[in-house]
């Protein structure tokens, strides 16, 4: 690879728990590149040692990626090839690497994905919830007020919603889900994916907190929280012409929340229906 005019940047997915989930291609690529950029070199070393991968490691994480990316791309342009790995899963999916990839592509360096494990896809595929349309939201905000505001903004979204969460805040996040979303909304809490204590809790927004509180083990590990989207509004249940006209006028002058509240008071239409219609209008989906 060193004789290439320009090297290649490989984005190599790594196991999210079970080390056997490493592909043959991933191992071959990592054994062949000139160096490996890793989110945490200490975390990655046991995996690389297991597969006899003895390549120089360079730290690339959220605190240094802007500064380090230029130096790495210089090496790629000089003919070296590299692989980018994160601590677990697919690089750039809620992990560092975007500045490096963007810069590499802008300078004509080939960027090649080497697919593999990804926690959000693993959880979504096994959740039993609709997977044809979904939105990945990463980690929720750290404060309850910000989390609830985010959930309120997403409450009318018909896509399945996928979040990551840590053991320190998962119960708080599930409590916020219960406070904001309808009690009957289906929720799946995937824990410790591909690891020894992997589990899936199929529940609802209204029941999840009690179930998790009853089993302390259900609050340990790494989590993917999957929430079914809001039901689509049937055509026969659509907002009428006059309420829609009023809603559009209010949205031009007020926040979404205020416009929905005022429209409900003025027209007598159901607030939930107005809210969904307002979201669709803001996204360009309403006529």
Protein backbone atom coordinates (compact mmCIF):
# COMPACT_ATOMS: atom_id res chain seq x y z
CA UNK A 1 0.00 0.00 0.00
CA UNK A 2 2.94 2.34 0.59
CA UNK A 3 3.59 2.60 -3.14
CA UNK A 4 0.18 4.13 -3.81
CA UNK A 5 0.15 7.77 -4.87
CA UNK A 6 -2.36 8.33 -2.09
CA UNK A 7 -3.27 6.01 0.75
CA UNK A 8 -6.70 4.79 1.84
CA UNK A 9 -8.62 5.52 5.02
CA UNK A 10 -10.59 2.47 6.16
CA UNK A 11 -13.47 2.84 8.62
CA UNK A 12 -13.46 -0.48 10.45
CA UNK A 13 -16.36 -1.55 12.67
CA UNK A 14 -15.34 -3.37 15.85
CA UNK A 15 -17.31 -5.68 18.19
CA UNK A 16 -19.79 -4.05 20.58
CA UNK A 17 -19.33 -6.81 23.15
CA UNK A 18 -18.64 -10.27 21.81
CA UNK A 19 -15.10 -10.24 20.39
CA UNK A 20 -16.02 -13.05 17.99
CA UNK A 21 -18.12 -10.58 16.02
CA UNK A 22 -15.03 -9.36 14.16
CA UNK A 23 -15.12 -10.01 10.42
CA UNK A 24 -12.31 -11.70 8.48
CA UNK A 25 -12.10 -8.64 6.25
CA UNK A 26 -11.75 -6.31 9.25
CA UNK A 27 -8.84 -8.33 10.60
CA UNK A 28 -7.11 -8.44 7.21
CA UNK A 29 -7.46 -4.69 6.75
CA UNK A 30 -6.10 -3.90 10.20
CA UNK A 31 -3.14 -6.23 9.64
CA UNK A 32 -2.31 -4.53 6.34
CA UNK A 33 -2.55 -0.79 7.05
CA UNK A 34 0.40 1.36 8.10
CA UNK A 35 -1.24 2.65 11.27
CA UNK A 36 -4.52 2.58 13.20
CA UNK A 37 -6.33 5.59 14.65
CA UNK A 38 -8.24 4.50 17.75
CA UNK A 39 -10.63 6.32 20.06
CA UNK A 40 -8.88 4.86 23.13
CA UNK A 41 -5.64 3.00 22.43
CA UNK A 42 -5.75 1.23 25.81
CA UNK A 43 -9.26 -0.02 25.18
CA UNK A 44 -8.47 -1.24 21.66
CA UNK A 45 -5.23 -3.04 22.47
CA UNK A 46 -6.80 -6.27 23.91
CA UNK A 47 -8.93 -6.70 20.77
CA UNK A 48 -5.98 -6.12 18.46
CA UNK A 49 -3.76 -8.47 20.47
CA UNK A 50 -6.37 -11.21 20.25
CA UNK A 51 -6.18 -11.06 16.45
CA UNK A 52 -2.40 -10.60 16.21
CA UNK A 53 -2.66 -7.06 14.92
CA UNK A 54 0.58 -5.26 15.76
CA UNK A 55 0.30 -1.89 14.05
CA UNK A 56 1.17 1.53 15.47
CA UNK A 57 -1.78 3.07 17.34
CA UNK A 58 -2.61 6.77 17.30
CA UNK A 59 -5.23 8.26 19.61
CA UNK A 60 -8.08 10.07 17.85
CA UNK A 61 -10.88 11.14 20.17
CA UNK A 62 -13.35 13.98 20.60
CA UNK A 63 -10.81 16.16 22.39
CA UNK A 64 -8.06 16.05 19.76
CA UNK A 65 -9.67 15.05 16.46
CA UNK A 66 -9.83 18.55 15.01
CA UNK A 67 -6.10 19.10 15.56
CA UNK A 68 -4.97 15.54 14.76
CA UNK A 69 -6.98 15.06 11.56
CA UNK A 70 -4.72 17.31 9.49
CA UNK A 71 -1.58 15.40 10.46
CA UNK A 72 -3.22 12.05 9.71
CA UNK A 73 -4.48 13.16 6.31
CA UNK A 74 -1.00 14.46 5.47
CA UNK A 75 0.29 10.93 6.01
CA UNK A 76 -2.49 9.46 3.89
CA UNK A 77 -1.68 11.86 1.08
CA UNK A 78 1.96 10.83 1.35
CA UNK A 79 1.00 7.25 0.50
CA UNK A 80 0.32 5.59 3.86
CA UNK A 81 -2.95 3.82 4.54
CA UNK A 82 -4.79 3.83 7.84
CA UNK A 83 -7.76 2.40 9.63
CA UNK A 84 -10.07 4.26 12.00
CA UNK A 85 -11.69 2.27 14.81
CA UNK A 86 -13.83 3.36 17.75
CA UNK A 87 -14.09 1.70 21.16
CA UNK A 88 -17.01 -0.38 19.93
CA UNK A 89 -19.20 -0.52 16.85
CA UNK A 90 -19.08 1.51 13.66
CA UNK A 91 -16.87 4.64 13.57
CA UNK A 92 -18.65 8.01 13.45
CA UNK A 93 -21.95 6.53 14.72
CA UNK A 94 -22.06 8.54 17.94
CA UNK A 95 -18.26 8.26 17.96
CA UNK A 96 -15.33 10.43 16.79
CA UNK A 97 -14.10 10.56 13.20
CA UNK A 98 -16.25 13.03 11.28
CA UNK A 99 -13.55 15.76 10.96
CA UNK A 100 -11.05 13.16 9.74
CA UNK A 101 -13.40 11.69 7.13
CA UNK A 102 -14.54 15.10 5.92
CA UNK A 103 -10.96 16.33 5.54
CA UNK A 104 -9.77 13.13 3.88
CA UNK A 105 -12.52 13.25 1.27
CA UNK A 106 -11.97 16.95 0.63
CA UNK A 107 -8.31 16.22 -0.16
CA UNK A 108 -9.07 13.34 -2.50
CA UNK A 109 -8.23 10.47 -0.13
CA UNK A 110 -10.35 7.36 -0.66
CA UNK A 111 -12.51 6.51 2.37
CA UNK A 112 -13.57 2.86 2.47
CA UNK A 113 -16.13 1.50 4.96
CA UNK A 114 -15.58 -1.96 6.42
CA UNK A 115 -19.06 -2.75 7.83
CA UNK A 116 -19.72 -4.65 11.01
CA UNK A 117 -21.35 -4.33 14.43
CA UNK A 118 -23.53 -1.33 15.28
CA UNK A 119 -25.52 -1.24 18.52
CA UNK A 120 -28.42 0.81 17.20
CA UNK A 121 -28.99 -1.53 14.24
CA UNK A 122 -28.63 -4.64 16.42
CA UNK A 123 -31.21 -3.33 18.90
CA UNK A 124 -33.62 -2.08 16.24
CA UNK A 125 -33.53 -5.30 14.23
CA UNK A 126 -34.36 -7.46 17.26
CA UNK A 127 -36.77 -5.09 19.00
CA UNK A 128 -39.94 -6.17 17.26
CA UNK A 129 -40.79 -2.52 16.59
CA UNK A 130 -41.16 -1.06 13.06
CA UNK A 131 -37.77 -0.75 11.39
CA UNK A 132 -38.74 0.58 7.94
CA UNK A 133 -38.37 4.20 9.11
CA UNK A 134 -36.39 5.24 12.15
CA UNK A 135 -34.47 8.15 13.65
CA UNK A 136 -31.27 7.73 15.65
CA UNK A 137 -30.99 10.39 18.37
CA UNK A 138 -27.77 9.28 20.08
CA UNK A 139 -27.47 10.00 23.81
CA UNK A 140 -30.27 12.14 25.29
CA UNK A 141 -29.36 15.41 27.02
CA UNK A 142 -28.04 15.17 30.58
CA UNK A 143 -30.73 17.28 32.28
CA UNK A 144 -34.34 16.24 32.78
CA UNK A 145 -35.73 19.49 31.37
CA UNK A 146 -33.70 19.14 28.14
CA UNK A 147 -34.62 15.47 27.80
CA UNK A 148 -38.32 16.19 28.22
CA UNK A 149 -38.20 19.04 25.73
CA UNK A 150 -36.54 16.72 23.21
CA UNK A 151 -39.16 14.02 23.78
CA UNK A 152 -41.95 16.58 23.43
CA UNK A 153 -40.53 17.68 20.09
CA UNK A 154 -40.33 14.04 18.96
CA UNK A 155 -43.64 12.87 20.41
CA UNK A 156 -45.52 13.25 17.12
CA UNK A 157 -42.80 11.65 14.97
CA UNK A 158 -44.15 8.52 13.31
CA UNK A 159 -40.68 6.99 12.92
CA UNK A 160 -39.25 4.55 15.46
CA UNK A 161 -36.86 6.45 17.75
CA UNK A 162 -33.53 4.98 18.89
CA UNK A 163 -31.41 6.31 21.75
CA UNK A 164 -28.23 5.28 23.54
CA UNK A 165 -28.07 5.63 27.31
CA UNK A 166 -25.72 4.80 30.18
CA UNK A 167 -26.50 2.90 33.38
CA UNK A 168 -26.19 6.16 35.36
CA UNK A 169 -29.12 7.84 33.62
CA UNK A 170 -31.23 5.13 32.02
CA UNK A 171 -33.87 5.07 34.77
CA UNK A 172 -34.16 8.86 34.68
CA UNK A 173 -34.56 8.76 30.91
CA UNK A 174 -37.23 6.07 31.10
CA UNK A 175 -39.02 8.19 33.72
CA UNK A 176 -38.98 11.14 31.32
CA UNK A 177 -40.42 8.93 28.58
CA UNK A 178 -43.28 8.02 30.93
CA UNK A 179 -43.88 11.69 31.77
CA UNK A 180 -44.02 12.88 28.16
CA UNK A 181 -45.27 10.08 25.91
CA UNK A 182 -48.63 8.26 26.02
CA UNK A 183 -48.59 5.40 28.56
CA UNK A 184 -49.42 2.81 25.90
CA UNK A 185 -46.50 3.75 23.60
CA UNK A 186 -44.38 0.58 23.02
CA UNK A 187 -40.80 0.78 24.31
CA UNK A 188 -37.98 -1.76 24.08
CA UNK A 189 -34.92 -1.45 26.34
CA UNK A 190 -31.97 -3.45 24.97
CA UNK A 191 -29.15 -4.04 27.45
CA UNK A 192 -25.59 -5.35 27.09
CA UNK A 193 -25.98 -6.31 23.43
CA UNK A 194 -23.92 -9.36 22.35
CA UNK A 195 -22.56 -9.74 25.90
CA UNK A 196 -23.18 -12.47 28.47
CA UNK A 197 -26.11 -10.67 30.11
CA UNK A 198 -27.80 -9.38 26.97
CA UNK A 199 -31.50 -8.73 27.50
CA UNK A 200 -34.50 -7.11 25.81
CA UNK A 201 -37.29 -5.61 27.90
CA UNK A 202 -40.43 -5.24 25.80
CA UNK A 203 -42.71 -2.85 27.64
CA UNK A 204 -44.59 0.44 27.36
CA UNK A 205 -43.86 4.03 28.35
CA UNK A 206 -46.22 3.67 31.30
CA UNK A 207 -44.86 0.38 32.65
CA UNK A 208 -41.11 0.58 31.99
CA UNK A 209 -40.09 2.44 35.17
CA UNK A 210 -41.79 -0.02 37.54
CA UNK A 211 -40.35 -3.02 35.73
CA UNK A 212 -36.82 -1.63 35.87
CA UNK A 213 -37.14 -0.60 39.51
CA UNK A 214 -38.25 -4.13 40.39
CA UNK A 215 -35.01 -5.61 38.98
CA UNK A 216 -31.79 -3.79 39.84
CA UNK A 217 -29.89 -5.86 37.25
CA UNK A 218 -31.98 -4.23 34.52
CA UNK A 219 -30.30 -0.91 35.33
CA UNK A 220 -26.73 -2.14 34.80
CA UNK A 221 -24.68 -2.05 31.60
CA UNK A 222 -25.00 -0.21 28.31
CA UNK A 223 -28.41 0.48 26.84
CA UNK A 224 -30.21 1.10 23.58
CA UNK A 225 -33.74 2.43 24.09
CA UNK A 226 -36.13 1.94 21.17
CA UNK A 227 -39.47 3.77 21.13
CA UNK A 228 -42.24 3.10 18.63
CA UNK A 229 -43.28 6.17 16.66
CA UNK A 230 -46.59 7.97 16.99
CA UNK A 231 -49.52 6.50 15.07
CA UNK A 232 -50.03 8.07 11.68
CA UNK A 233 -53.07 10.34 11.50
CA UNK A 234 -55.75 8.67 9.32
CA UNK A 235 -56.95 10.76 6.39
CA UNK A 236 -60.48 10.85 7.80
CA UNK A 237 -59.11 12.19 11.10
CA UNK A 238 -57.12 15.00 9.53
CA UNK A 239 -57.41 18.57 10.79
CA UNK A 240 -60.18 20.48 9.02
CA UNK A 241 -59.58 23.29 6.56
CA UNK A 242 -60.41 26.16 8.92
CA UNK A 243 -58.43 24.85 11.94
CA UNK A 244 -55.50 24.21 9.60
CA UNK A 245 -55.68 27.78 8.29
CA UNK A 246 -55.68 29.14 11.84
CA UNK A 247 -52.82 26.86 12.84
CA UNK A 248 -50.67 28.04 9.95
CA UNK A 249 -51.26 31.68 10.88
CA UNK A 250 -50.40 31.00 14.52
CA UNK A 251 -47.21 29.16 13.58
CA UNK A 252 -46.04 32.27 11.73
CA UNK A 253 -46.23 34.31 14.94
CA UNK A 254 -45.84 31.85 17.84
CA UNK A 255 -43.76 28.93 19.00
CA UNK A 256 -45.06 25.50 18.07
CA UNK A 257 -46.24 24.83 21.64
CA UNK A 258 -48.10 28.13 21.92
CA UNK A 259 -49.61 27.81 18.44
CA UNK A 260 -50.95 24.34 19.24
CA UNK A 261 -52.44 25.48 22.54
CA UNK A 262 -54.12 28.54 21.03
CA UNK A 263 -55.44 26.61 18.04
CA UNK A 264 -57.03 24.04 20.34
CA UNK A 265 -58.72 26.78 22.36
CA UNK A 266 -59.94 28.65 19.28
CA UNK A 267 -61.15 25.71 17.20
CA UNK A 268 -61.98 23.03 19.75
CA UNK A 269 -59.97 20.47 17.75
CA UNK A 270 -58.05 17.77 19.61
CA UNK A 271 -54.68 19.02 20.86
CA UNK A 272 -52.86 15.81 19.91
CA UNK A 273 -54.14 16.06 16.32
CA UNK A 274 -53.17 19.74 16.12
CA UNK A 275 -49.71 18.95 17.44
CA UNK A 276 -49.06 16.21 14.86
CA UNK A 277 -50.36 18.46 12.09
CA UNK A 278 -48.12 21.30 13.27
CA UNK A 279 -45.08 19.03 13.22
CA UNK A 280 -45.90 17.86 9.70
CA UNK A 281 -46.42 21.46 8.57
CA UNK A 282 -43.10 22.59 10.07
CA UNK A 283 -41.35 19.72 8.27
CA UNK A 284 -43.02 20.64 4.99
CA UNK A 285 -45.39 17.67 5.03
CA UNK A 286 -48.74 19.47 5.28
CA UNK A 287 -50.53 21.23 2.46
